[in-house]
């Protein structure tokens, strides 16, 4: 507890309140939030904070594929949290993925380590020239996981801006391109 606050989980609190022997309503939902079929397909992942969770699984799967001799396409991870020294979860694992070639680029945004805010969407915007060829020519899949209220909306706007700048088109035309990516399954969001 770096902040000294006690955080109680929603599920664990519910279970504690209902006690032993309580019926727990659960269900399994089939997820479409998966790596592309071909390991050569480039992937762009944006997951600050707990949004990192599915991407750890993606990267672990890519590590197994790489160890079995498969060739991997480029993989970018945009991860963010408040402070490098207090919140940078799985730092060693993520840096190990870069060192092993499982992850091509690790883009880090620490929102409280400098005077101005630095968020994942700012890094997406700054990397537009590197990302656009992966999307337009490489067939990259884009994934966003985490906060729906602010982050996902801002990242969505960053993707639209990226397309608008790269193609020299209007915002409306860029929105159509991003919608086509979504409709084709190449842009997926798991947000809450």
C-alpha atoms as a PDB file:
ATOM      1  CA  UNK A   1       0.000   0.000   0.000  1.00  0.00           C
ATOM      2  CA  UNK A   2       2.250   2.825  -1.189  1.00  0.00           C
ATOM      3  CA  UNK A   3      -0.381   5.464  -0.407  1.00  0.00           C
ATOM      4  CA  UNK A   4      -1.348   4.071   2.991  1.00  0.00           C
ATOM      5  CA  UNK A   5      -4.969   3.676   1.899  1.00  0.00           C
ATOM      6  CA  UNK A   6      -6.731   0.345   2.271  1.00  0.00           C
ATOM      7  CA  UNK A   7      -8.361  -0.755  -0.972  1.00  0.00           C
ATOM      8  CA  UNK A   8     -11.119  -3.320  -0.735  1.00  0.00           C
ATOM      9  CA  UNK A   9     -12.084  -5.213  -3.846  1.00  0.00           C
ATOM     10  CA  UNK A  10     -15.642  -5.262  -5.113  1.00  0.00           C
ATOM     11  CA  UNK A  11     -15.827  -9.045  -5.409  1.00  0.00           C
ATOM     12  CA  UNK A  12     -13.979  -9.902  -2.191  1.00  0.00           C
ATOM     13  CA  UNK A  13     -16.119  -7.423  -0.245  1.00  0.00           C
ATOM     14  CA  UNK A  14     -19.295  -8.941  -1.715  1.00  0.00           C
ATOM     15  CA  UNK A  15     -18.139 -12.466  -0.847  1.00  0.00           C
ATOM     16  CA  UNK A  16     -17.201 -11.429   2.688  1.00  0.00           C
ATOM     17  CA  UNK A  17     -20.589  -9.800   3.205  1.00  0.00           C
ATOM     18  CA  UNK A  18     -22.503 -12.891   2.010  1.00  0.00           C
ATOM     19  CA  UNK A  19     -20.448 -15.442   3.958  1.00  0.00           C
ATOM     20  CA  UNK A  20     -19.823 -19.174   3.632  1.00  0.00           C
ATOM     21  CA  UNK A  21     -22.362 -21.234   1.728  1.00  0.00           C
ATOM     22  CA  UNK A  22     -23.888 -18.304  -0.149  1.00  0.00           C
ATOM     23  CA  UNK A  23     -24.914 -18.929  -3.756  1.00  0.00           C
ATOM     24  CA  UNK A  24     -22.719 -16.924  -6.090  1.00  0.00           C
ATOM     25  CA  UNK A  25     -24.173 -16.032  -9.497  1.00  0.00           C
ATOM     26  CA  UNK A  26     -21.399 -16.409 -12.073  1.00  0.00           C
ATOM     27  CA  UNK A  27     -21.194 -16.878 -15.804  1.00  0.00           C
ATOM     28  CA  UNK A  28     -18.524 -17.305 -18.428  1.00  0.00           C
ATOM     29  CA  UNK A  29     -18.480 -14.893 -21.315  1.00  0.00           C
ATOM     30  CA  UNK A  30     -16.643 -15.815 -24.520  1.00  0.00           C
ATOM     31  CA  UNK A  31     -14.098 -13.090 -25.233  1.00  0.00           C
ATOM     32  CA  UNK A  32     -13.212 -11.776 -28.660  1.00  0.00           C
ATOM     33  CA  UNK A  33     -10.304  -9.840 -27.133  1.00  0.00           C
ATOM     34  CA  UNK A  34      -7.561 -12.066 -28.527  1.00  0.00           C
ATOM     35  CA  UNK A  35      -4.320 -11.893 -30.421  1.00  0.00           C
ATOM     36  CA  UNK A  36      -4.620 -12.006 -34.220  1.00  0.00           C
ATOM     37  CA  UNK A  37      -4.495 -15.466 -35.817  1.00  0.00           C
ATOM     38  CA  UNK A  38      -1.083 -14.836 -37.354  1.00  0.00           C
ATOM     39  CA  UNK A  39       1.774 -14.109 -34.931  1.00  0.00           C
ATOM     40  CA  UNK A  40       3.314 -11.973 -37.716  1.00  0.00           C
ATOM     41  CA  UNK A  41       0.472  -9.449 -37.503  1.00  0.00           C
ATOM     42  CA  UNK A  42       1.597  -6.236 -35.777  1.00  0.00           C
ATOM     43  CA  UNK A  43      -0.221  -5.358 -32.556  1.00  0.00           C
ATOM     44  CA  UNK A  44      -0.679  -2.034 -30.780  1.00  0.00           C
ATOM     45  CA  UNK A  45      -1.836  -2.324 -27.163  1.00  0.00           C
ATOM     46  CA  UNK A  46      -2.910   0.556 -24.928  1.00  0.00           C
ATOM     47  CA  UNK A  47      -3.480  -0.395 -21.303  1.00  0.00           C
ATOM     48  CA  UNK A  48      -2.702   1.948 -18.428  1.00  0.00           C
ATOM     49  CA  UNK A  49      -3.033   0.705 -14.850  1.00  0.00           C
ATOM     50  CA  UNK A  50      -5.141  -2.422 -14.535  1.00  0.00           C
ATOM     51  CA  UNK A  51      -5.756  -2.225 -18.287  1.00  0.00           C
ATOM     52  CA  UNK A  52      -2.408  -4.007 -18.571  1.00  0.00           C
ATOM     53  CA  UNK A  53      -3.943  -7.337 -17.470  1.00  0.00           C
ATOM     54  CA  UNK A  54      -4.970  -8.834 -20.830  1.00  0.00           C
ATOM     55  CA  UNK A  55      -1.797  -7.590 -22.468  1.00  0.00           C
ATOM     56  CA  UNK A  56       0.349  -9.525 -20.008  1.00  0.00           C
ATOM     57  CA  UNK A  57      -1.488 -12.587 -21.278  1.00  0.00           C
ATOM     58  CA  UNK A  58      -0.901 -11.535 -24.886  1.00  0.00           C
ATOM     59  CA  UNK A  59       2.807 -11.057 -24.217  1.00  0.00           C
ATOM     60  CA  UNK A  60       3.104 -14.339 -22.334  1.00  0.00           C
ATOM     61  CA  UNK A  61       1.486 -16.096 -25.301  1.00  0.00           C
ATOM     62  CA  UNK A  62       3.890 -14.368 -27.678  1.00  0.00           C
ATOM     63  CA  UNK A  63       6.799 -15.513 -25.464  1.00  0.00           C
ATOM     64  CA  UNK A  64       5.672 -19.127 -25.868  1.00  0.00           C
ATOM     65  CA  UNK A  65       5.339 -18.666 -29.635  1.00  0.00           C
ATOM     66  CA  UNK A  66       8.799 -17.104 -29.852  1.00  0.00           C
ATOM     67  CA  UNK A  67      10.313 -19.911 -27.766  1.00  0.00           C
ATOM     68  CA  UNK A  68       8.791 -22.445 -30.172  1.00  0.00           C
ATOM     69  CA  UNK A  69      10.562 -20.759 -33.096  1.00  0.00           C
ATOM     70  CA  UNK A  70       7.690 -18.694 -34.497  1.00  0.00           C
ATOM     71  CA  UNK A  71       8.455 -15.332 -36.045  1.00  0.00           C
ATOM     72  CA  UNK A  72       6.589 -12.458 -34.403  1.00  0.00           C
ATOM     73  CA  UNK A  73       5.314  -9.221 -35.879  1.00  0.00           C
ATOM     74  CA  UNK A  74       5.997  -5.898 -34.162  1.00  0.00           C
ATOM     75  CA  UNK A  75       4.272  -5.296 -30.829  1.00  0.00           C
ATOM     76  CA  UNK A  76       3.833  -1.903 -29.170  1.00  0.00           C
ATOM     77  CA  UNK A  77       2.591  -1.533 -25.607  1.00  0.00           C
ATOM     78  CA  UNK A  78       1.499   1.843 -24.276  1.00  0.00           C
ATOM     79  CA  UNK A  79       1.393   1.525 -20.504  1.00  0.00           C
ATOM     80  CA  UNK A  80       0.807   4.272 -18.007  1.00  0.00           C
ATOM     81  CA  UNK A  81       0.434   4.896 -14.314  1.00  0.00           C
ATOM     82  CA  UNK A  82       0.998   7.742 -11.883  1.00  0.00           C
ATOM     83  CA  UNK A  83       4.578   7.162 -10.795  1.00  0.00           C
ATOM     84  CA  UNK A  84       7.464   5.057 -12.067  1.00  0.00           C
ATOM     85  CA  UNK A  85       8.636   4.457  -8.499  1.00  0.00           C
ATOM     86  CA  UNK A  86       5.286   3.547  -6.920  1.00  0.00           C
ATOM     87  CA  UNK A  87       2.951   2.207  -9.603  1.00  0.00           C
ATOM     88  CA  UNK A  88       5.053   0.677 -12.370  1.00  0.00           C
ATOM     89  CA  UNK A  89       3.644  -2.823 -12.006  1.00  0.00           C
ATOM     90  CA  UNK A  90       5.386  -5.743 -13.715  1.00  0.00           C
ATOM     91  CA  UNK A  91       8.357  -3.551 -14.626  1.00  0.00           C
ATOM     92  CA  UNK A  92      10.859  -6.420 -14.746  1.00  0.00           C
ATOM     93  CA  UNK A  93       8.506  -8.627 -16.739  1.00  0.00           C
ATOM     94  CA  UNK A  94       7.726  -5.913 -19.290  1.00  0.00           C
ATOM     95  CA  UNK A  95      11.362  -4.949 -19.717  1.00  0.00           C
ATOM     96  CA  UNK A  96      12.188  -8.650 -20.075  1.00  0.00           C
ATOM     97  CA  UNK A  97       9.659  -8.916 -22.906  1.00  0.00           C
ATOM     98  CA  UNK A  98      11.459  -6.070 -24.672  1.00  0.00           C
ATOM     99  CA  UNK A  99      14.877  -7.653 -24.112  1.00  0.00           C
ATOM    100  CA  UNK A 100      13.694 -11.016 -25.472  1.00  0.00           C
ATOM    101  CA  UNK A 101      12.012  -9.552 -28.565  1.00  0.00           C
ATOM    102  CA  UNK A 102       8.478 -10.462 -27.495  1.00  0.00           C
ATOM    103  CA  UNK A 103       7.684  -6.746 -27.267  1.00  0.00           C
ATOM    104  CA  UNK A 104       9.168  -4.382 -29.856  1.00  0.00           C
ATOM    105  CA  UNK A 105       8.407  -1.099 -28.111  1.00  0.00           C
ATOM    106  CA  UNK A 106       7.362  -0.239 -24.570  1.00  0.00           C
ATOM    107  CA  UNK A 107       5.951   3.294 -24.379  1.00  0.00           C
ATOM    108  CA  UNK A 108       5.655   4.494 -20.781  1.00  0.00           C
ATOM    109  CA  UNK A 109       3.534   7.367 -19.492  1.00  0.00           C
ATOM    110  CA  UNK A 110       3.921   8.427 -15.863  1.00  0.00           C
ATOM    111  CA  UNK A 111       1.325  11.088 -15.188  1.00  0.00           C
ATOM    112  CA  UNK A 112       2.730  12.477 -11.925  1.00  0.00           C
ATOM    113  CA  UNK A 113       6.506  12.268 -12.415  1.00  0.00           C
ATOM    114  CA  UNK A 114       6.797  15.697 -14.048  1.00  0.00           C
ATOM    115  CA  UNK A 115       5.066  19.066 -13.877  1.00  0.00           C
ATOM    116  CA  UNK A 116       2.670  18.408 -16.778  1.00  0.00           C
ATOM    117  CA  UNK A 117       0.429  15.377 -17.135  1.00  0.00           C
ATOM    118  CA  UNK A 118       1.711  12.638 -19.422  1.00  0.00           C
ATOM    119  CA  UNK A 119      -0.842  10.047 -20.499  1.00  0.00           C
ATOM    120  CA  UNK A 120      -0.845   7.089 -22.888  1.00  0.00           C
ATOM    121  CA  UNK A 121      -2.817   9.010 -25.522  1.00  0.00           C
ATOM    122  CA  UNK A 122      -0.012  11.585 -25.687  1.00  0.00           C
ATOM    123  CA  UNK A 123       2.431   8.784 -26.479  1.00  0.00           C
ATOM    124  CA  UNK A 124       0.113   7.383 -29.164  1.00  0.00           C
ATOM    125  CA  UNK A 125       0.039  10.859 -30.734  1.00  0.00           C
ATOM    126  CA  UNK A 126       3.837  11.188 -30.553  1.00  0.00           C
ATOM    127  CA  UNK A 127       4.364   7.778 -32.157  1.00  0.00           C
ATOM    128  CA  UNK A 128       1.921   8.355 -35.030  1.00  0.00           C
ATOM    129  CA  UNK A 129       4.627   8.211 -37.717  1.00  0.00           C
ATOM    130  CA  UNK A 130       5.771   4.815 -36.433  1.00  0.00           C
ATOM    131  CA  UNK A 131       2.267   3.414 -35.892  1.00  0.00           C
ATOM    132  CA  UNK A 132       0.549   4.459 -39.118  1.00  0.00           C
ATOM    133  CA  UNK A 133       2.570   2.178 -41.444  1.00  0.00           C
ATOM    134  CA  UNK A 134       1.832  -0.752 -39.125  1.00  0.00           C
ATOM    135  CA  UNK A 135      -1.880   0.034 -39.376  1.00  0.00           C
ATOM    136  CA  UNK A 136      -2.137   1.007 -43.050  1.00  0.00           C
ATOM    137  CA  UNK A 137       0.361  -1.429 -44.587  1.00  0.00           C
ATOM    138  CA  UNK A 138       0.976  -4.049 -41.911  1.00  0.00           C
ATOM    139  CA  UNK A 139      -2.632  -4.775 -40.958  1.00  0.00           C
ATOM    140  CA  UNK A 140      -1.957  -4.035 -37.284  1.00  0.00           C
ATOM    141  CA  UNK A 141      -4.564  -4.856 -34.678  1.00  0.00           C
ATOM    142  CA  UNK A 142      -5.278  -2.153 -32.084  1.00  0.00           C
ATOM    143  CA  UNK A 143      -6.344  -2.978 -28.535  1.00  0.00           C
ATOM    144  CA  UNK A 144      -7.412  -0.646 -25.742  1.00  0.00           C
ATOM    145  CA  UNK A 145      -8.144  -1.826 -22.209  1.00  0.00           C
ATOM    146  CA  UNK A 146      -9.018   0.162 -19.099  1.00  0.00           C
ATOM    147  CA  UNK A 147     -10.993   3.225 -18.109  1.00  0.00           C
ATOM    148  CA  UNK A 148     -13.933   3.952 -20.419  1.00  0.00           C
ATOM    149  CA  UNK A 149     -14.764   7.368 -18.982  1.00  0.00           C
ATOM    150  CA  UNK A 150     -11.620   9.240 -19.976  1.00  0.00           C
ATOM    151  CA  UNK A 151      -8.692   7.165 -21.192  1.00  0.00           C
ATOM    152  CA  UNK A 152     -10.474   5.091 -23.842  1.00  0.00           C
ATOM    153  CA  UNK A 153     -12.184   8.177 -25.279  1.00  0.00           C
ATOM    154  CA  UNK A 154      -8.903  10.093 -25.381  1.00  0.00           C
ATOM    155  CA  UNK A 155      -7.048   7.184 -26.997  1.00  0.00           C
ATOM    156  CA  UNK A 156      -9.860   6.866 -29.555  1.00  0.00           C
ATOM    157  CA  UNK A 157      -9.434  10.570 -30.378  1.00  0.00           C
ATOM    158  CA  UNK A 158      -5.671  10.016 -30.653  1.00  0.00           C
ATOM    159  CA  UNK A 159      -6.244   7.203 -33.170  1.00  0.00           C
ATOM    160  CA  UNK A 160      -8.559   9.467 -35.183  1.00  0.00           C
ATOM    161  CA  UNK A 161      -5.948  12.244 -35.075  1.00  0.00           C
ATOM    162  CA  UNK A 162      -3.244   9.797 -36.130  1.00  0.00           C
ATOM    163  CA  UNK A 163      -5.284   8.754 -39.184  1.00  0.00           C
ATOM    164  CA  UNK A 164      -6.216  12.347 -40.007  1.00  0.00           C
ATOM    165  CA  UNK A 165      -2.586  13.479 -39.935  1.00  0.00           C
ATOM    166  CA  UNK A 166      -1.214  10.463 -41.802  1.00  0.00           C
ATOM    167  CA  UNK A 167      -3.824  10.530 -44.569  1.00  0.00           C
ATOM    168  CA  UNK A 168      -4.233  14.300 -44.723  1.00  0.00           C
ATOM    169  CA  UNK A 169      -7.989  13.858 -44.463  1.00  0.00           C
ATOM    170  CA  UNK A 170     -10.791  15.467 -42.479  1.00  0.00           C
ATOM    171  CA  UNK A 171     -11.733  14.375 -38.982  1.00  0.00           C
ATOM    172  CA  UNK A 172     -14.932  12.853 -40.347  1.00  0.00           C
ATOM    173  CA  UNK A 173     -13.011  10.828 -42.927  1.00  0.00           C
ATOM    174  CA  UNK A 174     -10.574   9.676 -40.231  1.00  0.00           C
ATOM    175  CA  UNK A 175     -13.507   8.594 -38.047  1.00  0.00           C
ATOM    176  CA  UNK A 176     -14.731   6.415 -40.923  1.00  0.00           C
ATOM    177  CA  UNK A 177     -11.317   4.729 -41.178  1.00  0.00           C
ATOM    178  CA  UNK A 178     -11.238   4.052 -37.424  1.00  0.00           C
ATOM    179  CA  UNK A 179     -14.810   2.702 -37.564  1.00  0.00           C
ATOM    180  CA  UNK A 180     -13.786   0.373 -40.400  1.00  0.00           C
ATOM    181  CA  UNK A 181     -10.918  -0.897 -38.233  1.00  0.00           C
ATOM    182  CA  UNK A 182     -13.410  -1.554 -35.446  1.00  0.00           C
ATOM    183  CA  UNK A 183     -15.981  -3.188 -37.736  1.00  0.00           C
ATOM    184  CA  UNK A 184     -13.327  -5.512 -39.165  1.00  0.00           C
ATOM    185  CA  UNK A 185     -12.183  -6.580 -35.677  1.00  0.00           C
ATOM    186  CA  UNK A 186      -8.810  -4.858 -35.965  1.00  0.00           C
ATOM    187  CA  UNK A 187      -9.649  -2.262 -33.296  1.00  0.00           C
ATOM    188  CA  UNK A 188     -10.974  -3.765 -30.092  1.00  0.00           C
ATOM    189  CA  UNK A 189     -11.756  -2.198 -26.751  1.00  0.00           C
ATOM    190  CA  UNK A 190     -12.268  -3.838 -23.372  1.00  0.00           C
ATOM    191  CA  UNK A 191     -13.233  -0.862 -21.258  1.00  0.00           C
ATOM    192  CA  UNK A 192     -15.253  -0.253 -18.131  1.00  0.00           C
END
